[in-house]
């Protein structure tokens, strides 16, 4: 990086969307923030991202949330992603995602899905 500036990503898990929690409009009832997630992310691009996350998850055995954090950490300029948890299991998942390293093909697939 030329300027050597980094960023801290807020809403790193897109309010739970990239964990696979919200896949259809009816999933909006899963949490108070569900309607905002469904309205913002359930579209062609969102479905492409979920499909890519699912494929990488199937190949690696990692969860979609772990993969999303690993992808963010692999981006130039990322200092840290911010993600919240409401259970101990979610904290463990976040920690695994922080340590996960994805292969070049997986990173490319995820990046292309988000374009």
PDB file of N, CA and C in Angstrom:
ATOM      1  N   UNK A   1       0.837  -1.175   0.000  1.00  0.00           N
ATOM      2  CA  UNK A   1       0.000   0.000   0.000  1.00  0.00           C
ATOM      3  C   UNK A   1       0.882   1.238   0.000  1.00  0.00           C
ATOM      4  N   UNK A   2       0.567   2.082  -0.890  1.00  0.00           N
ATOM      5  CA  UNK A   2       1.366   3.287  -1.066  1.00  0.00           C
ATOM      6  C   UNK A   2       1.300   4.212   0.141  1.00  0.00           C
ATOM      7  N   UNK A   3       0.104   4.495   0.644  1.00  0.00           N
ATOM      8  CA  UNK A   3      -0.048   5.443   1.751  1.00  0.00           C
ATOM      9  C   UNK A   3       0.079   4.795   3.127  1.00  0.00           C
ATOM     10  N   UNK A   4       0.062   3.502   3.185  1.00  0.00           N
ATOM     11  CA  UNK A   4       0.171   2.753   4.428  1.00  0.00           C
ATOM     12  C   UNK A   4      -0.895   3.165   5.444  1.00  0.00           C
ATOM     13  N   UNK A   5      -2.127   3.229   4.955  1.00  0.00           N
ATOM     14  CA  UNK A   5      -3.279   3.553   5.788  1.00  0.00           C
ATOM     15  C   UNK A   5      -4.135   2.297   5.887  1.00  0.00           C
ATOM     16  N   UNK A   6      -4.660   2.057   7.057  1.00  0.00           N
ATOM     17  CA  UNK A   6      -5.528   0.895   7.217  1.00  0.00           C
ATOM     18  C   UNK A   6      -6.882   1.330   7.741  1.00  0.00           C
ATOM     19  N   UNK A   7      -7.843   0.420   7.628  1.00  0.00           N
ATOM     20  CA  UNK A   7      -9.197   0.714   8.086  1.00  0.00           C
ATOM     21  C   UNK A   7      -9.712  -0.352   9.024  1.00  0.00           C
ATOM     22  N   UNK A   8     -10.653   0.043   9.831  1.00  0.00           N
ATOM     23  CA  UNK A   8     -11.351  -0.886  10.726  1.00  0.00           C
ATOM     24  C   UNK A   8     -12.774  -0.982  10.206  1.00  0.00           C
ATOM     25  N   UNK A   9     -13.163  -2.175   9.794  1.00  0.00           N
ATOM     26  CA  UNK A   9     -14.445  -2.376   9.129  1.00  0.00           C
ATOM     27  C   UNK A   9     -15.574  -2.591  10.139  1.00  0.00           C
ATOM     28  N   UNK A  10     -16.554  -1.707  10.072  1.00  0.00           N
ATOM     29  CA  UNK A  10     -17.741  -1.801  10.921  1.00  0.00           C
ATOM     30  C   UNK A  10     -18.789  -2.620  10.182  1.00  0.00           C
ATOM     31  N   UNK A  11     -19.633  -3.329  10.890  1.00  0.00           N
ATOM     32  CA  UNK A  11     -20.628  -4.230  10.279  1.00  0.00           C
ATOM     33  C   UNK A  11     -19.941  -5.254   9.379  1.00  0.00           C
ATOM     34  N   UNK A  12     -18.859  -5.833   9.839  1.00  0.00           N
ATOM     35  CA  UNK A  12     -18.078  -6.778   9.050  1.00  0.00           C
ATOM     36  C   UNK A  12     -18.878  -7.990   8.599  1.00  0.00           C
ATOM     37  N   UNK A  13     -19.867  -8.364   9.357  1.00  0.00           N
ATOM     38  CA  UNK A  13     -20.696  -9.510   8.989  1.00  0.00           C
ATOM     39  C   UNK A  13     -22.020  -9.070   8.368  1.00  0.00           C
ATOM     40  N   UNK A  14     -22.086  -7.799   7.958  1.00  0.00           N
ATOM     41  CA  UNK A  14     -23.286  -7.249   7.311  1.00  0.00           C
ATOM     42  C   UNK A  14     -24.531  -7.546   8.147  1.00  0.00           C
ATOM     43  N   UNK A  15     -24.413  -7.227   9.427  1.00  0.00           N
ATOM     44  CA  UNK A  15     -25.518  -7.425  10.386  1.00  0.00           C
ATOM     45  C   UNK A  15     -26.001  -8.868  10.431  1.00  0.00           C
ATOM     46  N   UNK A  16     -25.097  -9.799  10.175  1.00  0.00           N
ATOM     47  CA  UNK A  16     -25.441 -11.222  10.229  1.00  0.00           C
ATOM     48  C   UNK A  16     -25.756 -11.818   8.870  1.00  0.00           C
ATOM     49  N   UNK A  17     -25.886 -10.999   7.846  1.00  0.00           N
ATOM     50  CA  UNK A  17     -26.248 -11.511   6.521  1.00  0.00           C
ATOM     51  C   UNK A  17     -25.239 -12.530   6.004  1.00  0.00           C
ATOM     52  N   UNK A  18     -23.943 -12.223   6.072  1.00  0.00           N
ATOM     53  CA  UNK A  18     -22.943 -13.130   5.501  1.00  0.00           C
ATOM     54  C   UNK A  18     -22.718 -14.385   6.341  1.00  0.00           C
ATOM     55  N   UNK A  19     -23.388 -14.493   7.470  1.00  0.00           N
ATOM     56  CA  UNK A  19     -23.335 -15.741   8.230  1.00  0.00           C
ATOM     57  C   UNK A  19     -24.352 -16.748   7.698  1.00  0.00           C
ATOM     58  N   UNK A  20     -25.210 -16.298   6.782  1.00  0.00           N
ATOM     59  CA  UNK A  20     -26.242 -17.173   6.233  1.00  0.00           C
ATOM     60  C   UNK A  20     -27.532 -17.144   7.023  1.00  0.00           C
ATOM     61  N   UNK A  21     -27.608 -16.283   8.014  1.00  0.00           N
ATOM     62  CA  UNK A  21     -28.790 -16.208   8.886  1.00  0.00           C
ATOM     63  C   UNK A  21     -30.034 -15.754   8.133  1.00  0.00           C
ATOM     64  N   UNK A  22     -29.851 -14.899   7.150  1.00  0.00           N
ATOM     65  CA  UNK A  22     -30.979 -14.347   6.393  1.00  0.00           C
ATOM     66  C   UNK A  22     -30.855 -14.772   4.931  1.00  0.00           C
ATOM     67  N   UNK A  23     -31.741 -15.653   4.487  1.00  0.00           N
ATOM     68  CA  UNK A  23     -31.678 -16.142   3.113  1.00  0.00           C
ATOM     69  C   UNK A  23     -32.969 -15.881   2.340  1.00  0.00           C
ATOM     70  N   UNK A  24     -34.056 -15.674   3.067  1.00  0.00           N
ATOM     71  CA  UNK A  24     -35.350 -15.349   2.446  1.00  0.00           C
ATOM     72  C   UNK A  24     -36.014 -14.256   3.275  1.00  0.00           C
ATOM     73  N   UNK A  25     -36.975 -13.565   2.695  1.00  0.00           N
ATOM     74  CA  UNK A  25     -37.620 -12.445   3.387  1.00  0.00           C
ATOM     75  C   UNK A  25     -38.199 -12.848   4.738  1.00  0.00           C
ATOM     76  N   UNK A  26     -38.684 -14.072   4.846  1.00  0.00           N
ATOM     77  CA  UNK A  26     -39.273 -14.543   6.098  1.00  0.00           C
ATOM     78  C   UNK A  26     -38.256 -14.609   7.235  1.00  0.00           C
ATOM     79  N   UNK A  27     -36.980 -14.664   6.901  1.00  0.00           N
ATOM     80  CA  UNK A  27     -35.933 -14.692   7.923  1.00  0.00           C
ATOM     81  C   UNK A  27     -35.815 -13.367   8.666  1.00  0.00           C
ATOM     82  N   UNK A  28     -36.469 -12.323   8.170  1.00  0.00           N
ATOM     83  CA  UNK A  28     -36.413 -11.008   8.823  1.00  0.00           C
ATOM     84  C   UNK A  28     -36.891 -11.083  10.263  1.00  0.00           C
ATOM     85  N   UNK A  29     -37.745 -12.033  10.577  1.00  0.00           N
ATOM     86  CA  UNK A  29     -38.284 -12.148  11.935  1.00  0.00           C
ATOM     87  C   UNK A  29     -37.285 -12.753  12.920  1.00  0.00           C
ATOM     88  N   UNK A  30     -36.105 -13.143  12.466  1.00  0.00           N
ATOM     89  CA  UNK A  30     -35.118 -13.771  13.342  1.00  0.00           C
ATOM     90  C   UNK A  30     -34.464 -12.814  14.321  1.00  0.00           C
ATOM     91  N   UNK A  31     -34.532 -11.514  14.044  1.00  0.00           N
ATOM     92  CA  UNK A  31     -33.938 -10.553  14.961  1.00  0.00           C
ATOM     93  C   UNK A  31     -34.547  -9.175  14.701  1.00  0.00           C
ATOM     94  N   UNK A  32     -34.408  -8.266  15.681  1.00  0.00           N
ATOM     95  CA  UNK A  32     -34.943  -6.920  15.489  1.00  0.00           C
ATOM     96  C   UNK A  32     -34.334  -6.198  14.284  1.00  0.00           C
ATOM     97  N   UNK A  33     -33.097  -6.516  13.945  1.00  0.00           N
ATOM     98  CA  UNK A  33     -32.477  -5.853  12.794  1.00  0.00           C
ATOM     99  C   UNK A  33     -32.735  -6.611  11.491  1.00  0.00           C
ATOM    100  N   UNK A  34     -33.450  -7.710  11.566  1.00  0.00           N
ATOM    101  CA  UNK A  34     -33.737  -8.533  10.399  1.00  0.00           C
ATOM    102  C   UNK A  34     -34.362  -7.800   9.225  1.00  0.00           C
ATOM    103  N   UNK A  35     -35.406  -6.990   9.463  1.00  0.00           N
ATOM    104  CA  UNK A  35     -36.011  -6.294   8.315  1.00  0.00           C
ATOM    105  C   UNK A  35     -35.021  -5.403   7.561  1.00  0.00           C
ATOM    106  N   UNK A  36     -34.145  -4.719   8.264  1.00  0.00           N
ATOM    107  CA  UNK A  36     -33.156  -3.855   7.598  1.00  0.00           C
ATOM    108  C   UNK A  36     -32.176  -4.700   6.786  1.00  0.00           C
ATOM    109  N   UNK A  37     -31.808  -5.854   7.307  1.00  0.00           N
ATOM    110  CA  UNK A  37     -30.877  -6.737   6.612  1.00  0.00           C
ATOM    111  C   UNK A  37     -31.523  -7.276   5.348  1.00  0.00           C
ATOM    112  N   UNK A  38     -32.735  -7.785   5.494  1.00  0.00           N
ATOM    113  CA  UNK A  38     -33.434  -8.371   4.358  1.00  0.00           C
ATOM    114  C   UNK A  38     -33.634  -7.334   3.256  1.00  0.00           C
ATOM    115  N   UNK A  39     -34.049  -6.138   3.625  1.00  0.00           N
ATOM    116  CA  UNK A  39     -34.288  -5.095   2.622  1.00  0.00           C
ATOM    117  C   UNK A  39     -33.013  -4.665   1.912  1.00  0.00           C
ATOM    118  N   UNK A  40     -31.890  -4.655   2.622  1.00  0.00           N
ATOM    119  CA  UNK A  40     -30.641  -4.152   2.048  1.00  0.00           C
ATOM    120  C   UNK A  40     -29.848  -5.206   1.278  1.00  0.00           C
ATOM    121  N   UNK A  41     -29.877  -6.451   1.727  1.00  0.00           N
ATOM    122  CA  UNK A  41     -28.964  -7.448   1.187  1.00  0.00           C
ATOM    123  C   UNK A  41     -29.599  -8.561   0.357  1.00  0.00           C
ATOM    124  N   UNK A  42     -30.886  -8.787   0.491  1.00  0.00           N
ATOM    125  CA  UNK A  42     -31.505  -9.862  -0.298  1.00  0.00           C
ATOM    126  C   UNK A  42     -31.805  -9.352  -1.701  1.00  0.00           C
ATOM    127  N   UNK A  43     -30.780  -9.457  -2.544  1.00  0.00           N
ATOM    128  CA  UNK A  43     -30.877  -9.045  -3.940  1.00  0.00           C
ATOM    129  C   UNK A  43     -29.899  -9.919  -4.726  1.00  0.00           C
ATOM    130  N   UNK A  44     -29.771  -9.670  -6.019  1.00  0.00           N
ATOM    131  CA  UNK A  44     -28.902 -10.516  -6.846  1.00  0.00           C
ATOM    132  C   UNK A  44     -27.474 -10.586  -6.305  1.00  0.00           C
ATOM    133  N   UNK A  45     -26.925  -9.443  -5.940  1.00  0.00           N
ATOM    134  CA  UNK A  45     -25.561  -9.416  -5.411  1.00  0.00           C
ATOM    135  C   UNK A  45     -25.473 -10.192  -4.102  1.00  0.00           C
ATOM    136  N   UNK A  46     -26.426 -10.009  -3.230  1.00  0.00           N
ATOM    137  CA  UNK A  46     -26.436 -10.723  -1.952  1.00  0.00           C
ATOM    138  C   UNK A  46     -26.507 -12.220  -2.139  1.00  0.00           C
ATOM    139  N   UNK A  47     -27.344 -12.666  -3.070  1.00  0.00           N
ATOM    140  CA  UNK A  47     -27.444 -14.102  -3.333  1.00  0.00           C
ATOM    141  C   UNK A  47     -26.151 -14.655  -3.938  1.00  0.00           C
ATOM    142  N   UNK A  48     -25.477 -13.861  -4.787  1.00  0.00           N
ATOM    143  CA  UNK A  48     -24.179 -14.301  -5.328  1.00  0.00           C
ATOM    144  C   UNK A  48     -23.168 -14.478  -4.203  1.00  0.00           C
ATOM    145  N   UNK A  49     -23.168 -13.539  -3.265  1.00  0.00           N
ATOM    146  CA  UNK A  49     -22.235 -13.615  -2.138  1.00  0.00           C
ATOM    147  C   UNK A  49     -22.538 -14.833  -1.274  1.00  0.00           C
ATOM    148  N   UNK A  50     -23.812 -15.052  -0.957  1.00  0.00           N
ATOM    149  CA  UNK A  50     -24.171 -16.230  -0.156  1.00  0.00           C
ATOM    150  C   UNK A  50     -23.773 -17.519  -0.861  1.00  0.00           C
ATOM    151  N   UNK A  51     -24.004 -17.597  -2.173  1.00  0.00           N
ATOM    152  CA  UNK A  51     -23.635 -18.801  -2.920  1.00  0.00           C
ATOM    153  C   UNK A  51     -22.127 -19.034  -2.857  1.00  0.00           C
ATOM    154  N   UNK A  52     -21.344 -17.968  -3.028  1.00  0.00           N
ATOM    155  CA  UNK A  52     -19.888 -18.104  -2.961  1.00  0.00           C
ATOM    156  C   UNK A  52     -19.449 -18.520  -1.557  1.00  0.00           C
ATOM    157  N   UNK A  53     -20.036 -17.903  -0.539  1.00  0.00           N
ATOM    158  CA  UNK A  53     -19.708 -18.280   0.843  1.00  0.00           C
ATOM    159  C   UNK A  53     -20.036 -19.748   1.093  1.00  0.00           C
ATOM    160  N   UNK A  54     -21.169 -20.208   0.577  1.00  0.00           N
ATOM    161  CA  UNK A  54     -21.550 -21.613   0.742  1.00  0.00           C
ATOM    162  C   UNK A  54     -20.534 -22.540   0.069  1.00  0.00           C
ATOM    163  N   UNK A  55     -20.110 -22.197  -1.146  1.00  0.00           N
ATOM    164  CA  UNK A  55     -19.143 -23.046  -1.850  1.00  0.00           C
ATOM    165  C   UNK A  55     -17.812 -23.105  -1.106  1.00  0.00           C
ATOM    166  N   UNK A  56     -17.325 -21.957  -0.658  1.00  0.00           N
ATOM    167  CA  UNK A  56     -16.058 -21.932   0.084  1.00  0.00           C
ATOM    168  C   UNK A  56     -16.211 -22.677   1.411  1.00  0.00           C
ATOM    169  N   UNK A  57     -17.352 -22.525   2.049  1.00  0.00           N
ATOM    170  CA  UNK A  57     -17.618 -23.243   3.301  1.00  0.00           C
ATOM    171  C   UNK A  57     -17.576 -24.748   3.074  1.00  0.00           C
ATOM    172  N   UNK A  58     -18.193 -25.202   2.004  1.00  0.00           N
ATOM    173  CA  UNK A  58     -18.198 -26.638   1.704  1.00  0.00           C
ATOM    174  C   UNK A  58     -16.790 -27.167   1.453  1.00  0.00           C
ATOM    175  N   UNK A  59     -15.949 -26.355   0.817  1.00  0.00           N
ATOM    176  CA  UNK A  59     -14.577 -26.798   0.524  1.00  0.00           C
ATOM    177  C   UNK A  59     -13.685 -26.760   1.764  1.00  0.00           C
ATOM    178  N   UNK A  60     -13.878 -25.758   2.613  1.00  0.00           N
ATOM    179  CA  UNK A  60     -12.951 -25.558   3.736  1.00  0.00           C
ATOM    180  C   UNK A  60     -13.440 -26.132   5.059  1.00  0.00           C
ATOM    181  N   UNK A  61     -14.744 -26.283   5.200  1.00  0.00           N
ATOM    182  CA  UNK A  61     -15.300 -26.715   6.479  1.00  0.00           C
ATOM    183  C   UNK A  61     -15.496 -25.563   7.459  1.00  0.00           C
ATOM    184  N   UNK A  62     -15.148 -24.360   7.050  1.00  0.00           N
ATOM    185  CA  UNK A  62     -15.338 -23.175   7.892  1.00  0.00           C
ATOM    186  C   UNK A  62     -16.762 -22.653   7.702  1.00  0.00           C
ATOM    187  N   UNK A  63     -17.252 -21.921   8.687  1.00  0.00           N
ATOM    188  CA  UNK A  63     -18.580 -21.334   8.565  1.00  0.00           C
ATOM    189  C   UNK A  63     -18.524 -20.102   7.664  1.00  0.00           C
ATOM    190  N   UNK A  64     -19.692 -19.684   7.210  1.00  0.00           N
ATOM    191  CA  UNK A  64     -19.764 -18.494   6.365  1.00  0.00           C
ATOM    192  C   UNK A  64     -19.217 -17.263   7.094  1.00  0.00           C
ATOM    193  N   UNK A  65     -19.516 -17.132   8.372  1.00  0.00           N
ATOM    194  CA  UNK A  65     -19.001 -16.000   9.148  1.00  0.00           C
ATOM    195  C   UNK A  65     -17.489 -16.020   9.258  1.00  0.00           C
ATOM    196  N   UNK A  66     -16.924 -17.185   9.488  1.00  0.00           N
ATOM    197  CA  UNK A  66     -15.466 -17.312   9.549  1.00  0.00           C
ATOM    198  C   UNK A  66     -14.844 -16.914   8.214  1.00  0.00           C
ATOM    199  N   UNK A  67     -15.444 -17.360   7.142  1.00  0.00           N
ATOM    200  CA  UNK A  67     -14.938 -17.063   5.805  1.00  0.00           C
ATOM    201  C   UNK A  67     -15.018 -15.570   5.520  1.00  0.00           C
ATOM    202  N   UNK A  68     -16.131 -14.945   5.881  1.00  0.00           N
ATOM    203  CA  UNK A  68     -16.289 -13.505   5.646  1.00  0.00           C
ATOM    204  C   UNK A  68     -15.211 -12.712   6.385  1.00  0.00           C
ATOM    205  N   UNK A  69     -14.933 -13.081   7.622  1.00  0.00           N
ATOM    206  CA  UNK A  69     -13.885 -12.384   8.379  1.00  0.00           C
ATOM    207  C   UNK A  69     -12.506 -12.634   7.781  1.00  0.00           C
ATOM    208  N   UNK A  70     -12.259 -13.863   7.358  1.00  0.00           N
ATOM    209  CA  UNK A  70     -10.966 -14.181   6.749  1.00  0.00           C
ATOM    210  C   UNK A  70     -10.783 -13.410   5.447  1.00  0.00           C
ATOM    211  N   UNK A  71     -11.859 -13.271   4.665  1.00  0.00           N
ATOM    212  CA  UNK A  71     -11.771 -12.499   3.422  1.00  0.00           C
ATOM    213  C   UNK A  71     -11.433 -11.043   3.731  1.00  0.00           C
ATOM    214  N   UNK A  72     -12.118 -10.461   4.711  1.00  0.00           N
ATOM    215  CA  UNK A  72     -11.826  -9.075   5.083  1.00  0.00           C
ATOM    216  C   UNK A  72     -10.382  -8.918   5.535  1.00  0.00           C
ATOM    217  N   UNK A  73      -9.915  -9.835   6.364  1.00  0.00           N
ATOM    218  CA  UNK A  73      -8.537  -9.756   6.861  1.00  0.00           C
ATOM    219  C   UNK A  73      -7.513  -9.868   5.738  1.00  0.00           C
ATOM    220  N   UNK A  74      -7.880 -10.523   4.643  1.00  0.00           N
ATOM    221  CA  UNK A  74      -6.962 -10.697   3.523  1.00  0.00           C
ATOM    222  C   UNK A  74      -6.897  -9.464   2.615  1.00  0.00           C
ATOM    223  N   UNK A  75      -7.790  -8.507   2.814  1.00  0.00           N
ATOM    224  CA  UNK A  75      -7.812  -7.322   1.954  1.00  0.00           C
ATOM    225  C   UNK A  75      -6.737  -6.333   2.377  1.00  0.00           C
ATOM    226  N   UNK A  76      -6.034  -5.766   1.404  1.00  0.00           N
ATOM    227  CA  UNK A  76      -5.013  -4.763   1.738  1.00  0.00           C
ATOM    228  C   UNK A  76      -5.652  -3.598   2.496  1.00  0.00           C
ATOM    229  N   UNK A  77      -4.995  -3.168   3.517  1.00  0.00           N
ATOM    230  CA  UNK A  77      -5.480  -2.019   4.276  1.00  0.00           C
ATOM    231  C   UNK A  77      -6.417  -2.355   5.415  1.00  0.00           C
ATOM    232  N   UNK A  78      -6.728  -3.613   5.609  1.00  0.00           N
ATOM    233  CA  UNK A  78      -7.603  -3.986   6.717  1.00  0.00           C
ATOM    234  C   UNK A  78      -6.791  -4.065   8.005  1.00  0.00           C
ATOM    235  N   UNK A  79      -7.147  -3.227   8.974  1.00  0.00           N
ATOM    236  CA  UNK A  79      -6.519  -3.316  10.289  1.00  0.00           C
ATOM    237  C   UNK A  79      -7.247  -4.351  11.126  1.00  0.00           C
ATOM    238  N   UNK A  80      -8.566  -4.285  11.089  1.00  0.00           N
ATOM    239  CA  UNK A  80      -9.372  -5.238  11.845  1.00  0.00           C
ATOM    240  C   UNK A  80     -10.828  -5.110  11.450  1.00  0.00           C
ATOM    241  N   UNK A  81     -11.528  -6.225  11.363  1.00  0.00           N
ATOM    242  CA  UNK A  81     -12.970  -6.163  11.184  1.00  0.00           C
ATOM    243  C   UNK A  81     -13.646  -6.114  12.555  1.00  0.00           C
ATOM    244  N   UNK A  82     -14.728  -5.378  12.653  1.00  0.00           N
ATOM    245  CA  UNK A  82     -15.507  -5.334  13.894  1.00  0.00           C
ATOM    246  C   UNK A  82     -16.713  -6.247  13.709  1.00  0.00           C
ATOM    247  N   UNK A  83     -16.903  -7.154  14.634  1.00  0.00           N
ATOM    248  CA  UNK A  83     -18.051  -8.056  14.589  1.00  0.00           C
ATOM    249  C   UNK A  83     -18.521  -8.294  16.017  1.00  0.00           C
ATOM    250  N   UNK A  84     -19.815  -8.417  16.179  1.00  0.00           N
ATOM    251  CA  UNK A  84     -20.361  -8.633  17.520  1.00  0.00           C
ATOM    252  C   UNK A  84     -20.879 -10.054  17.657  1.00  0.00           C
ATOM    253  N   UNK A  85     -20.990 -10.476  18.894  1.00  0.00           N
ATOM    254  CA  UNK A  85     -21.472 -11.815  19.208  1.00  0.00           C
ATOM    255  C   UNK A  85     -22.437 -11.728  20.385  1.00  0.00           C
ATOM    256  N   UNK A  86     -23.403 -12.624  20.376  1.00  0.00           N
ATOM    257  CA  UNK A  86     -24.350 -12.682  21.497  1.00  0.00           C
ATOM    258  C   UNK A  86     -24.256 -14.000  22.261  1.00  0.00           C
ATOM    259  N   UNK A  87     -23.421 -14.918  21.765  1.00  0.00           N
ATOM    260  CA  UNK A  87     -23.237 -16.195  22.464  1.00  0.00           C
ATOM    261  C   UNK A  87     -21.750 -16.544  22.497  1.00  0.00           C
ATOM    262  N   UNK A  88     -21.390 -17.438  23.387  1.00  0.00           N
ATOM    263  CA  UNK A  88     -20.006 -17.906  23.484  1.00  0.00           C
ATOM    264  C   UNK A  88     -19.604 -18.610  22.188  1.00  0.00           C
ATOM    265  N   UNK A  89     -20.511 -19.376  21.597  1.00  0.00           N
ATOM    266  CA  UNK A  89     -20.200 -20.060  20.341  1.00  0.00           C
ATOM    267  C   UNK A  89     -19.879 -19.054  19.237  1.00  0.00           C
ATOM    268  N   UNK A  90     -20.589 -17.941  19.211  1.00  0.00           N
ATOM    269  CA  UNK A  90     -20.311 -16.912  18.210  1.00  0.00           C
ATOM    270  C   UNK A  90     -18.937 -16.285  18.437  1.00  0.00           C
ATOM    271  N   UNK A  91     -18.553 -16.093  19.682  1.00  0.00           N
ATOM    272  CA  UNK A  91     -17.219 -15.562  19.979  1.00  0.00           C
ATOM    273  C   UNK A  91     -16.153 -16.529  19.468  1.00  0.00           C
ATOM    274  N   UNK A  92     -16.369 -17.814  19.680  1.00  0.00           N
ATOM    275  CA  UNK A  92     -15.424 -18.821  19.201  1.00  0.00           C
ATOM    276  C   UNK A  92     -15.337 -18.797  17.680  1.00  0.00           C
ATOM    277  N   UNK A  93     -16.479 -18.624  17.020  1.00  0.00           N
ATOM    278  CA  UNK A  93     -16.501 -18.546  15.560  1.00  0.00           C
ATOM    279  C   UNK A  93     -15.726 -17.325  15.067  1.00  0.00           C
ATOM    280  N   UNK A  94     -15.916 -16.199  15.736  1.00  0.00           N
ATOM    281  CA  UNK A  94     -15.175 -14.987  15.361  1.00  0.00           C
ATOM    282  C   UNK A  94     -13.673 -15.198  15.499  1.00  0.00           C
ATOM    283  N   UNK A  95     -13.264 -15.860  16.567  1.00  0.00           N
ATOM    284  CA  UNK A  95     -11.833 -16.116  16.786  1.00  0.00           C
ATOM    285  C   UNK A  95     -11.280 -17.036  15.700  1.00  0.00           C
ATOM    286  N   UNK A  96     -12.041 -18.059  15.317  1.00  0.00           N
ATOM    287  CA  UNK A  96     -11.576 -18.945  14.238  1.00  0.00           C
ATOM    288  C   UNK A  96     -11.464 -18.167  12.923  1.00  0.00           C
ATOM    289  N   UNK A  97     -12.426 -17.290  12.659  1.00  0.00           N
ATOM    290  CA  UNK A  97     -12.387 -16.490  11.439  1.00  0.00           C
ATOM    291  C   UNK A  97     -11.193 -15.560  11.404  1.00  0.00           C
ATOM    292  N   UNK A  98     -10.821 -15.045  12.559  1.00  0.00           N
ATOM    293  CA  UNK A  98      -9.665 -14.145  12.634  1.00  0.00           C
ATOM    294  C   UNK A  98      -8.365 -14.884  12.324  1.00  0.00           C
ATOM    295  N   UNK A  99      -8.334 -16.192  12.589  1.00  0.00           N
ATOM    296  CA  UNK A  99      -7.120 -16.986  12.359  1.00  0.00           C
ATOM    297  C   UNK A  99      -7.115 -17.692  11.000  1.00  0.00           C
ATOM    298  N   UNK A 100      -8.249 -17.728  10.332  1.00  0.00           N
ATOM    299  CA  UNK A 100      -8.379 -18.476   9.078  1.00  0.00           C
ATOM    300  C   UNK A 100      -7.672 -17.756   7.935  1.00  0.00           C
ATOM    301  N   UNK A 101      -6.958 -18.529   7.140  1.00  0.00           N
ATOM    302  CA  UNK A 101      -6.336 -18.011   5.927  1.00  0.00           C
ATOM    303  C   UNK A 101      -6.946 -18.742   4.741  1.00  0.00           C
ATOM    304  N   UNK A 102      -7.502 -17.991   3.822  1.00  0.00           N
ATOM    305  CA  UNK A 102      -8.130 -18.567   2.636  1.00  0.00           C
ATOM    306  C   UNK A 102      -7.124 -18.636   1.492  1.00  0.00           C
ATOM    307  N   UNK A 103      -7.312 -19.614   0.622  1.00  0.00           N
ATOM    308  CA  UNK A 103      -6.460 -19.734  -0.555  1.00  0.00           C
ATOM    309  C   UNK A 103      -6.808 -18.671  -1.589  1.00  0.00           C
ATOM    310  N   UNK A 104      -5.895 -18.482  -2.529  1.00  0.00           N
ATOM    311  CA  UNK A 104      -6.084 -17.468  -3.561  1.00  0.00           C
ATOM    312  C   UNK A 104      -7.366 -17.684  -4.368  1.00  0.00           C
ATOM    313  N   UNK A 105      -7.664 -18.922  -4.714  1.00  0.00           N
ATOM    314  CA  UNK A 105      -8.868 -19.209  -5.507  1.00  0.00           C
ATOM    315  C   UNK A 105     -10.127 -18.850  -4.727  1.00  0.00           C
ATOM    316  N   UNK A 106     -10.144 -19.155  -3.436  1.00  0.00           N
ATOM    317  CA  UNK A 106     -11.305 -18.812  -2.607  1.00  0.00           C
ATOM    318  C   UNK A 106     -11.456 -17.303  -2.491  1.00  0.00           C
ATOM    319  N   UNK A 107     -10.367 -16.606  -2.272  1.00  0.00           N
ATOM    320  CA  UNK A 107     -10.412 -15.140  -2.179  1.00  0.00           C
ATOM    321  C   UNK A 107     -10.925 -14.531  -3.473  1.00  0.00           C
ATOM    322  N   UNK A 108     -10.460 -15.044  -4.590  1.00  0.00           N
ATOM    323  CA  UNK A 108     -10.896 -14.530  -5.895  1.00  0.00           C
ATOM    324  C   UNK A 108     -12.384 -14.788  -6.098  1.00  0.00           C
ATOM    325  N   UNK A 109     -12.840 -15.969  -5.768  1.00  0.00           N
ATOM    326  CA  UNK A 109     -14.259 -16.318  -5.941  1.00  0.00           C
ATOM    327  C   UNK A 109     -15.150 -15.379  -5.111  1.00  0.00           C
ATOM    328  N   UNK A 110     -14.760 -15.144  -3.872  1.00  0.00           N
ATOM    329  CA  UNK A 110     -15.544 -14.266  -2.998  1.00  0.00           C
ATOM    330  C   UNK A 110     -15.529 -12.819  -3.489  1.00  0.00           C
ATOM    331  N   UNK A 111     -14.380 -12.382  -3.938  1.00  0.00           N
ATOM    332  CA  UNK A 111     -14.264 -11.008  -4.442  1.00  0.00           C
ATOM    333  C   UNK A 111     -15.130 -10.820  -5.678  1.00  0.00           C
ATOM    334  N   UNK A 112     -15.080 -11.771  -6.588  1.00  0.00           N
ATOM    335  CA  UNK A 112     -15.890 -11.691  -7.811  1.00  0.00           C
ATOM    336  C   UNK A 112     -17.390 -11.700  -7.487  1.00  0.00           C
ATOM    337  N   UNK A 113     -17.781 -12.489  -6.507  1.00  0.00           N
ATOM    338  CA  UNK A 113     -19.204 -12.557  -6.133  1.00  0.00           C
ATOM    339  C   UNK A 113     -19.712 -11.208  -5.643  1.00  0.00           C
ATOM    340  N   UNK A 114     -18.851 -10.455  -5.003  1.00  0.00           N
ATOM    341  CA  UNK A 114     -19.257  -9.159  -4.446  1.00  0.00           C
ATOM    342  C   UNK A 114     -19.191  -7.995  -5.417  1.00  0.00           C
ATOM    343  N   UNK A 115     -18.761  -8.246  -6.637  1.00  0.00           N
ATOM    344  CA  UNK A 115     -18.675  -7.152  -7.632  1.00  0.00           C
ATOM    345  C   UNK A 115     -20.004  -6.872  -8.265  1.00  0.00           C
TER     346      UNK A 115
END
